[in-house]
């Protein structure tokens, strides 16, 4: 399946982001090696959106129906349930 990848200024410390529609945004300042790593990571989140495991709104993220308030979590934390599988793949790069 086709994945649209766009480069953007995502702000300090943000390497990538996946939207509900499957579009992956990559920080435009990354090296080629980091770009591949981030795409691999974000493709896992794309799959999580597609299969209904992961969702979000302005206030929270939802993993398998459980709500995680954005103000209560560190978004890149490897221990978040949706991040573990993504880091497992991207750590291979």
PDB file of N, CA and C in Angstrom:
ATOM      1  N   UNK A   1       0.832  -1.172   0.000  1.00  0.00           N
ATOM      2  CA  UNK A   1       0.000   0.000   0.000  1.00  0.00           C
ATOM      3  C   UNK A   1       0.888   1.252   0.000  1.00  0.00           C
ATOM      4  N   UNK A   2       0.491   2.246  -0.715  1.00  0.00           N
ATOM      5  CA  UNK A   2       1.234   3.491  -0.851  1.00  0.00           C
ATOM      6  C   UNK A   2       1.192   4.288   0.452  1.00  0.00           C
ATOM      7  N   UNK A   3       2.335   4.827   0.834  1.00  0.00           N
ATOM      8  CA  UNK A   3       2.430   5.695   2.007  1.00  0.00           C
ATOM      9  C   UNK A   3       2.958   7.045   1.561  1.00  0.00           C
ATOM     10  N   UNK A   4       2.192   8.091   1.835  1.00  0.00           N
ATOM     11  CA  UNK A   4       2.652   9.435   1.503  1.00  0.00           C
ATOM     12  C   UNK A   4       3.566   9.931   2.614  1.00  0.00           C
ATOM     13  N   UNK A   5       4.768  10.359   2.225  1.00  0.00           N
ATOM     14  CA  UNK A   5       5.749  10.890   3.172  1.00  0.00           C
ATOM     15  C   UNK A   5       6.013  12.340   2.787  1.00  0.00           C
ATOM     16  N   UNK A   6       5.908  13.218   3.772  1.00  0.00           N
ATOM     17  CA  UNK A   6       6.169  14.638   3.559  1.00  0.00           C
ATOM     18  C   UNK A   6       7.215  15.112   4.555  1.00  0.00           C
ATOM     19  N   UNK A   7       8.005  16.074   4.117  1.00  0.00           N
ATOM     20  CA  UNK A   7       9.020  16.654   4.980  1.00  0.00           C
ATOM     21  C   UNK A   7       8.529  18.009   5.465  1.00  0.00           C
ATOM     22  N   UNK A   8       8.729  18.280   6.758  1.00  0.00           N
ATOM     23  CA  UNK A   8       8.217  19.517   7.352  1.00  0.00           C
ATOM     24  C   UNK A   8       9.067  19.896   8.555  1.00  0.00           C
ATOM     25  N   UNK A   9       8.913  21.128   8.968  1.00  0.00           N
ATOM     26  CA  UNK A   9       9.532  21.586  10.213  1.00  0.00           C
ATOM     27  C   UNK A   9       8.604  21.156  11.340  1.00  0.00           C
ATOM     28  N   UNK A  10       8.979  20.123  12.069  1.00  0.00           N
ATOM     29  CA  UNK A  10       8.118  19.563  13.105  1.00  0.00           C
ATOM     30  C   UNK A  10       8.424  20.085  14.496  1.00  0.00           C
ATOM     31  N   UNK A  11       9.407  20.930  14.585  1.00  0.00           N
ATOM     32  CA  UNK A  11       9.756  21.472  15.890  1.00  0.00           C
ATOM     33  C   UNK A  11      10.877  20.693  16.545  1.00  0.00           C
ATOM     34  N   UNK A  12      11.445  21.313  17.536  1.00  0.00           N
ATOM     35  CA  UNK A  12      12.577  20.734  18.260  1.00  0.00           C
ATOM     36  C   UNK A  12      12.222  19.396  18.896  1.00  0.00           C
ATOM     37  N   UNK A  13      13.049  18.407  18.629  1.00  0.00           N
ATOM     38  CA  UNK A  13      12.889  17.100  19.253  1.00  0.00           C
ATOM     39  C   UNK A  13      11.878  16.180  18.597  1.00  0.00           C
ATOM     40  N   UNK A  14      11.150  16.652  17.604  1.00  0.00           N
ATOM     41  CA  UNK A  14      10.155  15.813  16.930  1.00  0.00           C
ATOM     42  C   UNK A  14      10.759  15.305  15.632  1.00  0.00           C
ATOM     43  N   UNK A  15      10.898  13.985  15.539  1.00  0.00           N
ATOM     44  CA  UNK A  15      11.521  13.400  14.353  1.00  0.00           C
ATOM     45  C   UNK A  15      10.489  13.028  13.294  1.00  0.00           C
ATOM     46  N   UNK A  16       9.312  12.604  13.729  1.00  0.00           N
ATOM     47  CA  UNK A  16       8.280  12.204  12.780  1.00  0.00           C
ATOM     48  C   UNK A  16       6.912  12.186  13.422  1.00  0.00           C
ATOM     49  N   UNK A  17       5.913  12.093  12.560  1.00  0.00           N
ATOM     50  CA  UNK A  17       4.522  12.076  13.025  1.00  0.00           C
ATOM     51  C   UNK A  17       3.682  11.390  11.952  1.00  0.00           C
ATOM     52  N   UNK A  18       2.708  10.624  12.372  1.00  0.00           N
ATOM     53  CA  UNK A  18       1.780   9.986  11.447  1.00  0.00           C
ATOM     54  C   UNK A  18       0.379  10.498  11.714  1.00  0.00           C
ATOM     55  N   UNK A  19      -0.292  10.876  10.655  1.00  0.00           N
ATOM     56  CA  UNK A  19      -1.677  11.340  10.748  1.00  0.00           C
ATOM     57  C   UNK A  19      -2.629  10.156  10.601  1.00  0.00           C
ATOM     58  N   UNK A  20      -3.862  10.339  11.010  1.00  0.00           N
ATOM     59  CA  UNK A  20      -4.866   9.284  10.891  1.00  0.00           C
ATOM     60  C   UNK A  20      -5.023   8.778   9.461  1.00  0.00           C
ATOM     61  N   UNK A  21      -4.855   9.673   8.486  1.00  0.00           N
ATOM     62  CA  UNK A  21      -5.032   9.269   7.081  1.00  0.00           C
ATOM     63  C   UNK A  21      -3.837   8.487   6.545  1.00  0.00           C
ATOM     64  N   UNK A  22      -2.825   8.262   7.377  1.00  0.00           N
ATOM     65  CA  UNK A  22      -1.657   7.481   6.980  1.00  0.00           C
ATOM     66  C   UNK A  22      -0.494   8.306   6.462  1.00  0.00           C
ATOM     67  N   UNK A  23      -0.670   9.611   6.329  1.00  0.00           N
ATOM     68  CA  UNK A  23       0.426  10.465   5.886  1.00  0.00           C
ATOM     69  C   UNK A  23       1.489  10.530   6.976  1.00  0.00           C
ATOM     70  N   UNK A  24       2.726  10.343   6.577  1.00  0.00           N
ATOM     71  CA  UNK A  24       3.848  10.410   7.500  1.00  0.00           C
ATOM     72  C   UNK A  24       4.593  11.713   7.253  1.00  0.00           C
ATOM     73  N   UNK A  25       4.803  12.458   8.317  1.00  0.00           N
ATOM     74  CA  UNK A  25       5.588  13.684   8.261  1.00  0.00           C
ATOM     75  C   UNK A  25       6.937  13.415   8.913  1.00  0.00           C
ATOM     76  N   UNK A  26       8.001  13.825   8.223  1.00  0.00           N
ATOM     77  CA  UNK A  26       9.365  13.629   8.690  1.00  0.00           C
ATOM     78  C   UNK A  26      10.007  14.997   8.883  1.00  0.00           C
ATOM     79  N   UNK A  27      10.746  15.141   9.978  1.00  0.00           N
ATOM     80  CA  UNK A  27      11.466  16.386  10.219  1.00  0.00           C
ATOM     81  C   UNK A  27      12.437  16.626   9.074  1.00  0.00           C
ATOM     82  N   UNK A  28      12.339  17.784   8.448  1.00  0.00           N
ATOM     83  CA  UNK A  28      13.137  18.086   7.251  1.00  0.00           C
ATOM     84  C   UNK A  28      14.636  18.211   7.527  1.00  0.00           C
ATOM     85  N   UNK A  29      15.033  18.243   8.781  1.00  0.00           N
ATOM     86  CA  UNK A  29      16.441  18.426   9.133  1.00  0.00           C
ATOM     87  C   UNK A  29      17.162  17.125   9.478  1.00  0.00           C
ATOM     88  N   UNK A  30      16.553  15.985   9.240  1.00  0.00           N
ATOM     89  CA  UNK A  30      17.163  14.707   9.600  1.00  0.00           C
ATOM     90  C   UNK A  30      18.162  14.236   8.539  1.00  0.00           C
ATOM     91  N   UNK A  31      19.122  13.419   8.983  1.00  0.00           N
ATOM     92  CA  UNK A  31      20.063  12.784   8.064  1.00  0.00           C
ATOM     93  C   UNK A  31      19.345  11.654   7.317  1.00  0.00           C
ATOM     94  N   UNK A  32      19.951  11.183   6.232  1.00  0.00           N
ATOM     95  CA  UNK A  32      19.360  10.086   5.451  1.00  0.00           C
ATOM     96  C   UNK A  32      19.149   8.846   6.319  1.00  0.00           C
ATOM     97  N   UNK A  33      20.115   8.530   7.168  1.00  0.00           N
ATOM     98  CA  UNK A  33      19.993   7.364   8.049  1.00  0.00           C
ATOM     99  C   UNK A  33      18.799   7.533   8.995  1.00  0.00           C
ATOM    100  N   UNK A  34      18.675   8.711   9.579  1.00  0.00           N
ATOM    101  CA  UNK A  34      17.559   8.959  10.490  1.00  0.00           C
ATOM    102  C   UNK A  34      16.223   8.958   9.761  1.00  0.00           C
ATOM    103  N   UNK A  35      16.197   9.437   8.541  1.00  0.00           N
ATOM    104  CA  UNK A  35      14.949   9.442   7.764  1.00  0.00           C
ATOM    105  C   UNK A  35      14.429   8.017   7.610  1.00  0.00           C
ATOM    106  N   UNK A  36      15.283   7.094   7.222  1.00  0.00           N
ATOM    107  CA  UNK A  36      14.860   5.698   7.059  1.00  0.00           C
ATOM    108  C   UNK A  36      14.382   5.096   8.375  1.00  0.00           C
ATOM    109  N   UNK A  37      15.072   5.407   9.442  1.00  0.00           N
ATOM    110  CA  UNK A  37      14.708   4.913  10.764  1.00  0.00           C
ATOM    111  C   UNK A  37      13.330   5.446  11.169  1.00  0.00           C
ATOM    112  N   UNK A  38      13.104   6.729  10.946  1.00  0.00           N
ATOM    113  CA  UNK A  38      11.837   7.350  11.337  1.00  0.00           C
ATOM    114  C   UNK A  38      10.691   6.843  10.463  1.00  0.00           C
ATOM    115  N   UNK A  39      10.932   6.652   9.190  1.00  0.00           N
ATOM    116  CA  UNK A  39       9.879   6.104   8.326  1.00  0.00           C
ATOM    117  C   UNK A  39       9.483   4.709   8.795  1.00  0.00           C
ATOM    118  N   UNK A  40      10.450   3.873   9.128  1.00  0.00           N
ATOM    119  CA  UNK A  40      10.150   2.525   9.631  1.00  0.00           C
ATOM    120  C   UNK A  40       9.301   2.609  10.902  1.00  0.00           C
ATOM    121  N   UNK A  41       9.670   3.517  11.801  1.00  0.00           N
ATOM    122  CA  UNK A  41       8.948   3.709  13.055  1.00  0.00           C
ATOM    123  C   UNK A  41       7.515   4.172  12.779  1.00  0.00           C
ATOM    124  N   UNK A  42       7.385   5.175  11.947  1.00  0.00           N
ATOM    125  CA  UNK A  42       6.067   5.756  11.686  1.00  0.00           C
ATOM    126  C   UNK A  42       5.154   4.819  10.902  1.00  0.00           C
ATOM    127  N   UNK A  43       5.724   3.928  10.100  1.00  0.00           N
ATOM    128  CA  UNK A  43       4.894   2.948   9.393  1.00  0.00           C
ATOM    129  C   UNK A  43       4.189   2.008  10.370  1.00  0.00           C
ATOM    130  N   UNK A  44       4.819   1.750  11.501  1.00  0.00           N
ATOM    131  CA  UNK A  44       4.155   0.932  12.525  1.00  0.00           C
ATOM    132  C   UNK A  44       2.942   1.679  13.063  1.00  0.00           C
ATOM    133  N   UNK A  45       3.101   2.980  13.322  1.00  0.00           N
ATOM    134  CA  UNK A  45       1.950   3.766  13.787  1.00  0.00           C
ATOM    135  C   UNK A  45       0.857   3.814  12.724  1.00  0.00           C
ATOM    136  N   UNK A  46       1.248   3.883  11.461  1.00  0.00           N
ATOM    137  CA  UNK A  46       0.254   3.866  10.385  1.00  0.00           C
ATOM    138  C   UNK A  46      -0.575   2.584  10.456  1.00  0.00           C
ATOM    139  N   UNK A  47       0.087   1.458  10.638  1.00  0.00           N
ATOM    140  CA  UNK A  47      -0.624   0.178  10.764  1.00  0.00           C
ATOM    141  C   UNK A  47      -1.537   0.176  11.988  1.00  0.00           C
ATOM    142  N   UNK A  48      -1.061   0.774  13.082  1.00  0.00           N
ATOM    143  CA  UNK A  48      -1.867   0.830  14.301  1.00  0.00           C
ATOM    144  C   UNK A  48      -3.139   1.642  14.076  1.00  0.00           C
ATOM    145  N   UNK A  49      -3.049   2.724  13.319  1.00  0.00           N
ATOM    146  CA  UNK A  49      -4.244   3.499  12.970  1.00  0.00           C
ATOM    147  C   UNK A  49      -5.171   2.684  12.082  1.00  0.00           C
ATOM    148  N   UNK A  50      -4.591   2.016  11.079  1.00  0.00           N
ATOM    149  CA  UNK A  50      -5.392   1.251  10.124  1.00  0.00           C
ATOM    150  C   UNK A  50      -6.153   0.113  10.787  1.00  0.00           C
ATOM    151  N   UNK A  51      -5.534  -0.547  11.762  1.00  0.00           N
ATOM    152  CA  UNK A  51      -6.221  -1.678  12.388  1.00  0.00           C
ATOM    153  C   UNK A  51      -7.031  -1.285  13.627  1.00  0.00           C
ATOM    154  N   UNK A  52      -7.106   0.010  13.911  1.00  0.00           N
ATOM    155  CA  UNK A  52      -7.965   0.496  14.991  1.00  0.00           C
ATOM    156  C   UNK A  52      -7.367   0.432  16.380  1.00  0.00           C
ATOM    157  N   UNK A  53      -6.102   0.080  16.494  1.00  0.00           N
ATOM    158  CA  UNK A  53      -5.476   0.033  17.811  1.00  0.00           C
ATOM    159  C   UNK A  53      -5.210   1.434  18.363  1.00  0.00           C
ATOM    160  N   UNK A  54      -4.824   2.359  17.491  1.00  0.00           N
ATOM    161  CA  UNK A  54      -4.398   3.692  17.897  1.00  0.00           C
ATOM    162  C   UNK A  54      -5.301   4.747  17.275  1.00  0.00           C
ATOM    163  N   UNK A  55      -5.633   5.748  18.083  1.00  0.00           N
ATOM    164  CA  UNK A  55      -6.393   6.896  17.605  1.00  0.00           C
ATOM    165  C   UNK A  55      -6.026   8.080  18.482  1.00  0.00           C
ATOM    166  N   UNK A  56      -6.481   9.272  18.110  1.00  0.00           N
ATOM    167  CA  UNK A  56      -6.168  10.460  18.895  1.00  0.00           C
ATOM    168  C   UNK A  56      -7.187  11.555  18.633  1.00  0.00           C
ATOM    169  N   UNK A  57      -7.208  12.510  19.542  1.00  0.00           N
ATOM    170  CA  UNK A  57      -7.908  13.768  19.336  1.00  0.00           C
ATOM    171  C   UNK A  57      -7.035  14.850  19.958  1.00  0.00           C
ATOM    172  N   UNK A  58      -7.552  16.048  20.067  1.00  0.00           N
ATOM    173  CA  UNK A  58      -6.743  17.151  20.581  1.00  0.00           C
ATOM    174  C   UNK A  58      -6.310  16.962  22.034  1.00  0.00           C
ATOM    175  N   UNK A  59      -7.050  16.195  22.796  1.00  0.00           N
ATOM    176  CA  UNK A  59      -6.783  16.049  24.224  1.00  0.00           C
ATOM    177  C   UNK A  59      -6.095  14.752  24.622  1.00  0.00           C
ATOM    178  N   UNK A  60      -6.216  13.712  23.793  1.00  0.00           N
ATOM    179  CA  UNK A  60      -5.740  12.403  24.243  1.00  0.00           C
ATOM    180  C   UNK A  60      -5.379  11.494  23.076  1.00  0.00           C
ATOM    181  N   UNK A  61      -4.643  10.431  23.410  1.00  0.00           N
ATOM    182  CA  UNK A  61      -4.413   9.320  22.500  1.00  0.00           C
ATOM    183  C   UNK A  61      -5.161   8.123  23.072  1.00  0.00           C
ATOM    184  N   UNK A  62      -5.585   7.235  22.186  1.00  0.00           N
ATOM    185  CA  UNK A  62      -6.365   6.071  22.585  1.00  0.00           C
ATOM    186  C   UNK A  62      -5.683   4.830  22.052  1.00  0.00           C
ATOM    187  N   UNK A  63      -5.312   3.951  22.963  1.00  0.00           N
ATOM    188  CA  UNK A  63      -4.666   2.698  22.594  1.00  0.00           C
ATOM    189  C   UNK A  63      -5.565   1.557  23.013  1.00  0.00           C
ATOM    190  N   UNK A  64      -6.083   0.853  22.016  1.00  0.00           N
ATOM    191  CA  UNK A  64      -6.985  -0.273  22.264  1.00  0.00           C
ATOM    192  C   UNK A  64      -8.103   0.122  23.223  1.00  0.00           C
ATOM    193  N   UNK A  65      -8.615   1.340  23.021  1.00  0.00           N
ATOM    194  CA  UNK A  65      -9.748   1.830  23.798  1.00  0.00           C
ATOM    195  C   UNK A  65      -9.396   2.542  25.090  1.00  0.00           C
ATOM    196  N   UNK A  66      -8.156   2.444  25.538  1.00  0.00           N
ATOM    197  CA  UNK A  66      -7.750   3.122  26.766  1.00  0.00           C
ATOM    198  C   UNK A  66      -7.280   4.540  26.436  1.00  0.00           C
ATOM    199  N   UNK A  67      -7.721   5.498  27.230  1.00  0.00           N
ATOM    200  CA  UNK A  67      -7.424   6.917  26.996  1.00  0.00           C
ATOM    201  C   UNK A  67      -6.161   7.338  27.752  1.00  0.00           C
ATOM    202  N   UNK A  68      -5.262   8.042  27.038  1.00  0.00           N
ATOM    203  CA  UNK A  68      -4.038   8.595  27.608  1.00  0.00           C
ATOM    204  C   UNK A  68      -4.056  10.094  27.345  1.00  0.00           C
ATOM    205  N   UNK A  69      -4.261  10.888  28.384  1.00  0.00           N
ATOM    206  CA  UNK A  69      -4.292  12.334  28.224  1.00  0.00           C
ATOM    207  C   UNK A  69      -2.924  12.840  27.783  1.00  0.00           C
ATOM    208  N   UNK A  70      -2.914  13.711  26.801  1.00  0.00           N
ATOM    209  CA  UNK A  70      -1.658  14.258  26.277  1.00  0.00           C
ATOM    210  C   UNK A  70      -0.848  14.962  27.368  1.00  0.00           C
ATOM    211  N   UNK A  71      -1.532  15.604  28.301  1.00  0.00           N
ATOM    212  CA  UNK A  71      -0.841  16.335  29.364  1.00  0.00           C
ATOM    213  C   UNK A  71      -0.187  15.400  30.379  1.00  0.00           C
ATOM    214  N   UNK A  72      -0.557  14.131  30.365  1.00  0.00           N
ATOM    215  CA  UNK A  72      -0.028  13.170  31.339  1.00  0.00           C
ATOM    216  C   UNK A  72       1.065  12.265  30.794  1.00  0.00           C
ATOM    217  N   UNK A  73       1.376  12.376  29.499  1.00  0.00           N
ATOM    218  CA  UNK A  73       2.353  11.461  28.915  1.00  0.00           C
ATOM    219  C   UNK A  73       3.466  12.223  28.205  1.00  0.00           C
ATOM    220  N   UNK A  74       4.616  11.564  28.099  1.00  0.00           N
ATOM    221  CA  UNK A  74       5.733  12.033  27.287  1.00  0.00           C
ATOM    222  C   UNK A  74       5.594  11.301  25.953  1.00  0.00           C
ATOM    223  N   UNK A  75       5.254  12.032  24.904  1.00  0.00           N
ATOM    224  CA  UNK A  75       4.865  11.424  23.633  1.00  0.00           C
ATOM    225  C   UNK A  75       5.880  10.441  23.044  1.00  0.00           C
ATOM    226  N   UNK A  76       7.165  10.639  23.239  1.00  0.00           N
ATOM    227  CA  UNK A  76       8.141   9.733  22.655  1.00  0.00           C
ATOM    228  C   UNK A  76       8.589   8.609  23.567  1.00  0.00           C
ATOM    229  N   UNK A  77       7.961   8.472  24.715  1.00  0.00           N
ATOM    230  CA  UNK A  77       8.376   7.485  25.702  1.00  0.00           C
ATOM    231  C   UNK A  77       8.262   6.070  25.137  1.00  0.00           C
ATOM    232  N   UNK A  78       9.367   5.358  25.166  1.00  0.00           N
ATOM    233  CA  UNK A  78       9.409   3.986  24.648  1.00  0.00           C
ATOM    234  C   UNK A  78       8.469   3.041  25.393  1.00  0.00           C
ATOM    235  N   UNK A  79       8.100   3.387  26.607  1.00  0.00           N
ATOM    236  CA  UNK A  79       7.261   2.494  27.407  1.00  0.00           C
ATOM    237  C   UNK A  79       5.771   2.640  27.130  1.00  0.00           C
ATOM    238  N   UNK A  80       5.387   3.617  26.319  1.00  0.00           N
ATOM    239  CA  UNK A  80       3.979   3.721  25.940  1.00  0.00           C
ATOM    240  C   UNK A  80       3.635   2.521  25.065  1.00  0.00           C
ATOM    241  N   UNK A  81       2.467   1.944  25.245  1.00  0.00           N
ATOM    242  CA  UNK A  81       2.161   0.679  24.556  1.00  0.00           C
ATOM    243  C   UNK A  81       2.214   0.752  23.033  1.00  0.00           C
ATOM    244  N   UNK A  82       1.908   1.888  22.432  1.00  0.00           N
ATOM    245  CA  UNK A  82       1.976   2.000  20.976  1.00  0.00           C
ATOM    246  C   UNK A  82       3.388   2.298  20.485  1.00  0.00           C
ATOM    247  N   UNK A  83       4.258   2.770  21.372  1.00  0.00           N
ATOM    248  CA  UNK A  83       5.629   3.080  20.971  1.00  0.00           C
ATOM    249  C   UNK A  83       6.537   1.852  20.981  1.00  0.00           C
ATOM    250  N   UNK A  84       6.296   0.915  21.872  1.00  0.00           N
ATOM    251  CA  UNK A  84       7.140  -0.274  21.962  1.00  0.00           C
ATOM    252  C   UNK A  84       7.315  -0.983  20.627  1.00  0.00           C
ATOM    253  N   UNK A  85       6.219  -1.337  19.941  1.00  0.00           N
ATOM    254  CA  UNK A  85       6.366  -2.013  18.650  1.00  0.00           C
ATOM    255  C   UNK A  85       7.078  -1.156  17.600  1.00  0.00           C
ATOM    256  N   UNK A  86       6.859   0.145  17.637  1.00  0.00           N
ATOM    257  CA  UNK A  86       7.489   1.044  16.657  1.00  0.00           C
ATOM    258  C   UNK A  86       8.989   1.129  16.889  1.00  0.00           C
ATOM    259  N   UNK A  87       9.401   1.237  18.149  1.00  0.00           N
ATOM    260  CA  UNK A  87      10.832   1.287  18.454  1.00  0.00           C
ATOM    261  C   UNK A  87      11.506  -0.054  18.175  1.00  0.00           C
ATOM    262  N   UNK A  88      10.781  -1.136  18.360  1.00  0.00           N
ATOM    263  CA  UNK A  88      11.351  -2.461  18.076  1.00  0.00           C
ATOM    264  C   UNK A  88      11.804  -2.549  16.620  1.00  0.00           C
ATOM    265  N   UNK A  89      11.024  -1.970  15.733  1.00  0.00           N
ATOM    266  CA  UNK A  89      11.375  -1.971  14.315  1.00  0.00           C
ATOM    267  C   UNK A  89      12.450  -0.938  13.999  1.00  0.00           C
ATOM    268  N   UNK A  90      12.281   0.287  14.477  1.00  0.00           N
ATOM    269  CA  UNK A  90      13.225   1.347  14.116  1.00  0.00           C
ATOM    270  C   UNK A  90      14.591   1.172  14.758  1.00  0.00           C
ATOM    271  N   UNK A  91      14.666   0.482  15.866  1.00  0.00           N
ATOM    272  CA  UNK A  91      15.966   0.246  16.504  1.00  0.00           C
ATOM    273  C   UNK A  91      16.869  -0.658  15.682  1.00  0.00           C
ATOM    274  N   UNK A  92      16.328  -1.322  14.693  1.00  0.00           N
ATOM    275  CA  UNK A  92      17.127  -2.200  13.826  1.00  0.00           C
ATOM    276  C   UNK A  92      17.942  -1.405  12.805  1.00  0.00           C
ATOM    277  N   UNK A  93      17.632  -0.127  12.663  1.00  0.00           N
ATOM    278  CA  UNK A  93      18.336   0.720  11.671  1.00  0.00           C
ATOM    279  C   UNK A  93      19.547   1.355  12.265  1.00  0.00           C
TER     280      UNK A  93
END
